[in-house]
Amino acid sequence: MIIKSCLTCKFHEIKLDGKDEMSHCQKENCWSRYSKCVLAKALEKYLKEESSQPERSFSALTHMYSRE
């Protein structure tokens, strides 16, 4: 699997793993899917998407009586 966000990184290279092309991180010397860089990018994307959603207020009363 080639990771799109790694294509612009200067440490990125493509290696064969059996028949498949895989993203490899030269900086961490591991497959990119296991690198800390991809982990940080994924977390950043997740937090960005979560924060863009409006905050929902939660009330126990609303939760219990919203079914009426």
N, C-alpha and C. Protein backbone atom coordinates (compact mmCIF):
# COMPACT_ATOMS: atom_id res chain seq x y z
N MET A 1 0.84 -1.16 0.00
CA MET A 1 0.00 0.00 0.00
C MET A 1 0.90 1.24 0.00
N ILE A 2 0.63 2.13 -0.91
CA ILE A 2 1.33 3.40 -0.98
C ILE A 2 0.50 4.42 -0.22
N ILE A 3 1.11 5.07 0.76
CA ILE A 3 0.40 6.06 1.57
C ILE A 3 0.56 7.42 0.91
N LYS A 4 -0.58 8.02 0.56
CA LYS A 4 -0.59 9.27 -0.20
C LYS A 4 0.11 10.41 0.56
N SER A 5 -0.09 10.49 1.86
CA SER A 5 0.51 11.59 2.62
C SER A 5 2.03 11.47 2.72
N CYS A 6 2.57 10.31 2.43
CA CYS A 6 4.02 10.10 2.49
C CYS A 6 4.73 10.48 1.18
N LEU A 7 3.99 10.61 0.10
CA LEU A 7 4.60 10.83 -1.20
C LEU A 7 5.42 12.12 -1.27
N THR A 8 5.08 13.12 -0.48
CA THR A 8 5.81 14.39 -0.51
C THR A 8 6.97 14.42 0.49
N CYS A 9 7.13 13.40 1.29
CA CYS A 9 8.18 13.35 2.31
C CYS A 9 9.52 12.97 1.68
N LYS A 10 10.58 13.65 2.11
CA LYS A 10 11.91 13.36 1.55
C LYS A 10 12.46 12.01 2.03
N PHE A 11 11.87 11.46 3.08
CA PHE A 11 12.33 10.17 3.60
C PHE A 11 11.55 8.99 3.03
N HIS A 12 10.56 9.27 2.19
CA HIS A 12 9.71 8.23 1.65
C HIS A 12 10.39 7.50 0.50
N GLU A 13 10.22 6.19 0.48
CA GLU A 13 10.64 5.39 -0.66
C GLU A 13 9.62 4.28 -0.85
N ILE A 14 9.61 3.73 -2.03
CA ILE A 14 8.69 2.64 -2.32
C ILE A 14 9.51 1.36 -2.43
N LYS A 15 9.11 0.37 -1.64
CA LYS A 15 9.78 -0.93 -1.65
C LYS A 15 8.77 -2.01 -1.99
N LEU A 16 9.28 -3.11 -2.48
CA LEU A 16 8.42 -4.26 -2.76
C LEU A 16 8.34 -5.15 -1.52
N ASP A 17 7.14 -5.57 -1.21
CA ASP A 17 6.91 -6.54 -0.14
C ASP A 17 6.15 -7.69 -0.79
N GLY A 18 6.91 -8.66 -1.25
CA GLY A 18 6.31 -9.72 -2.06
C GLY A 18 5.97 -9.15 -3.42
N LYS A 19 4.70 -9.12 -3.77
CA LYS A 19 4.26 -8.58 -5.05
C LYS A 19 3.79 -7.13 -4.93
N ASP A 20 3.57 -6.66 -3.72
CA ASP A 20 2.97 -5.35 -3.49
C ASP A 20 4.02 -4.27 -3.28
N GLU A 21 3.72 -3.07 -3.80
CA GLU A 21 4.55 -1.90 -3.53
C GLU A 21 4.08 -1.30 -2.21
N MET A 22 5.03 -0.96 -1.36
CA MET A 22 4.69 -0.44 -0.03
C MET A 22 5.49 0.82 0.24
N SER A 23 4.87 1.74 0.99
CA SER A 23 5.58 2.93 1.44
C SER A 23 6.53 2.54 2.57
N HIS A 24 7.76 3.05 2.48
CA HIS A 24 8.76 2.75 3.50
C HIS A 24 9.38 4.06 3.97
N CYS A 25 9.58 4.19 5.27
CA CYS A 25 10.17 5.39 5.86
C CYS A 25 11.66 5.15 6.10
N GLN A 26 12.49 5.91 5.38
CA GLN A 26 13.94 5.78 5.56
C GLN A 26 14.39 6.36 6.90
N LYS A 27 13.69 7.38 7.36
CA LYS A 27 14.06 8.04 8.62
C LYS A 27 13.92 7.09 9.81
N GLU A 28 12.81 6.36 9.85
CA GLU A 28 12.56 5.44 10.96
C GLU A 28 12.90 4.00 10.61
N ASN A 29 13.28 3.76 9.36
CA ASN A 29 13.64 2.43 8.88
C ASN A 29 12.56 1.39 9.18
N CYS A 30 11.34 1.73 8.77
CA CYS A 30 10.22 0.80 8.94
C CYS A 30 9.19 1.09 7.86
N TRP A 31 8.22 0.19 7.73
CA TRP A 31 7.12 0.45 6.81
C TRP A 31 6.39 1.69 7.31
N SER A 32 6.00 2.53 6.40
CA SER A 32 5.40 3.81 6.77
C SER A 32 4.14 3.65 7.62
N ARG A 33 3.38 2.61 7.40
CA ARG A 33 2.15 2.43 8.19
C ARG A 33 2.45 2.24 9.68
N TYR A 34 3.69 1.89 10.03
CA TYR A 34 4.08 1.73 11.43
C TYR A 34 4.86 2.93 11.96
N SER A 35 5.08 3.94 11.15
CA SER A 35 5.93 5.05 11.56
C SER A 35 5.18 6.03 12.47
N LYS A 36 5.94 6.74 13.27
CA LYS A 36 5.37 7.74 14.17
C LYS A 36 4.83 8.93 13.37
N CYS A 37 5.44 9.20 12.24
CA CYS A 37 5.02 10.30 11.38
C CYS A 37 3.58 10.09 10.90
N VAL A 38 3.27 8.92 10.42
CA VAL A 38 1.92 8.62 9.94
C VAL A 38 0.94 8.65 11.11
N LEU A 39 1.36 8.16 12.26
CA LEU A 39 0.53 8.21 13.45
C LEU A 39 0.18 9.66 13.79
N ALA A 40 1.17 10.54 13.76
CA ALA A 40 0.94 11.96 14.07
C ALA A 40 0.01 12.60 13.05
N LYS A 41 0.19 12.28 11.77
CA LYS A 41 -0.68 12.84 10.72
C LYS A 41 -2.12 12.35 10.89
N ALA A 42 -2.27 11.08 11.23
CA ALA A 42 -3.61 10.52 11.42
C ALA A 42 -4.30 11.17 12.63
N LEU A 43 -3.56 11.36 13.70
CA LEU A 43 -4.12 11.99 14.89
C LEU A 43 -4.51 13.44 14.59
N GLU A 44 -3.66 14.14 13.87
CA GLU A 44 -3.94 15.53 13.51
C GLU A 44 -5.22 15.62 12.66
N LYS A 45 -5.35 14.73 11.71
CA LYS A 45 -6.54 14.71 10.85
C LYS A 45 -7.79 14.39 11.67
N TYR A 46 -7.69 13.41 12.55
CA TYR A 46 -8.82 13.03 13.38
C TYR A 46 -9.26 14.19 14.27
N LEU A 47 -8.31 14.84 14.93
CA LEU A 47 -8.65 15.96 15.81
C LEU A 47 -9.24 17.13 15.04
N LYS A 48 -8.74 17.36 13.84
CA LYS A 48 -9.26 18.43 13.00
C LYS A 48 -10.72 18.15 12.62
N GLU A 49 -11.02 16.92 12.25
CA GLU A 49 -12.38 16.55 11.89
C GLU A 49 -13.32 16.59 13.10
N GLU A 50 -12.83 16.17 14.24
CA GLU A 50 -13.65 16.18 15.44
C GLU A 50 -13.95 17.60 15.90
N SER A 51 -12.99 18.49 15.81
CA SER A 51 -13.19 19.85 16.29
C SER A 51 -14.05 20.67 15.34
N SER A 52 -14.19 20.24 14.09
CA SER A 52 -15.00 20.99 13.14
C SER A 52 -16.49 20.74 13.33
N GLN A 53 -16.83 19.70 14.04
CA GLN A 53 -18.23 19.42 14.31
C GLN A 53 -18.70 20.28 15.48
N PRO A 54 -19.90 20.84 15.40
CA PRO A 54 -20.39 21.66 16.52
C PRO A 54 -20.51 20.83 17.78
N GLU A 55 -20.21 21.47 18.89
CA GLU A 55 -20.31 20.76 20.16
C GLU A 55 -21.77 20.48 20.48
N ARG A 56 -21.99 19.28 20.93
CA ARG A 56 -23.35 18.91 21.33
C ARG A 56 -23.42 18.95 22.84
N SER A 57 -24.43 19.62 23.35
CA SER A 57 -24.60 19.65 24.80
C SER A 57 -25.27 18.34 25.22
N PHE A 58 -24.92 17.89 26.38
CA PHE A 58 -25.49 16.65 26.88
C PHE A 58 -26.13 16.93 28.23
N SER A 59 -27.33 16.49 28.36
CA SER A 59 -28.05 16.62 29.62
C SER A 59 -28.70 15.29 29.90
N ALA A 60 -28.61 14.85 31.12
CA ALA A 60 -29.25 13.59 31.51
C ALA A 60 -30.77 13.67 31.30
N LEU A 61 -31.33 14.84 31.59
CA LEU A 61 -32.77 15.00 31.42
C LEU A 61 -33.17 14.91 29.96
N THR A 62 -32.39 15.55 29.08
CA THR A 62 -32.66 15.48 27.65
C THR A 62 -32.52 14.05 27.16
N HIS A 63 -31.53 13.37 27.65
CA HIS A 63 -31.30 11.97 27.26
C HIS A 63 -32.47 11.08 27.68
N MET A 64 -32.96 11.27 28.89
CA MET A 64 -34.01 10.39 29.41
C MET A 64 -35.39 10.73 28.80
N TYR A 65 -35.68 12.00 28.56
CA TYR A 65 -37.02 12.39 28.15
C TYR A 65 -37.14 12.79 26.68
N SER A 66 -36.14 12.53 25.89
CA SER A 66 -36.19 12.92 24.48
C SER A 66 -37.03 11.94 23.66
N ARG A 67 -37.41 10.84 24.21
CA ARG A 67 -38.16 9.81 23.47
C ARG A 67 -39.66 10.04 23.50
N GLU A 68 -40.12 11.04 24.20
CA GLU A 68 -41.58 11.26 24.32
C GLU A 68 -42.16 11.82 23.07
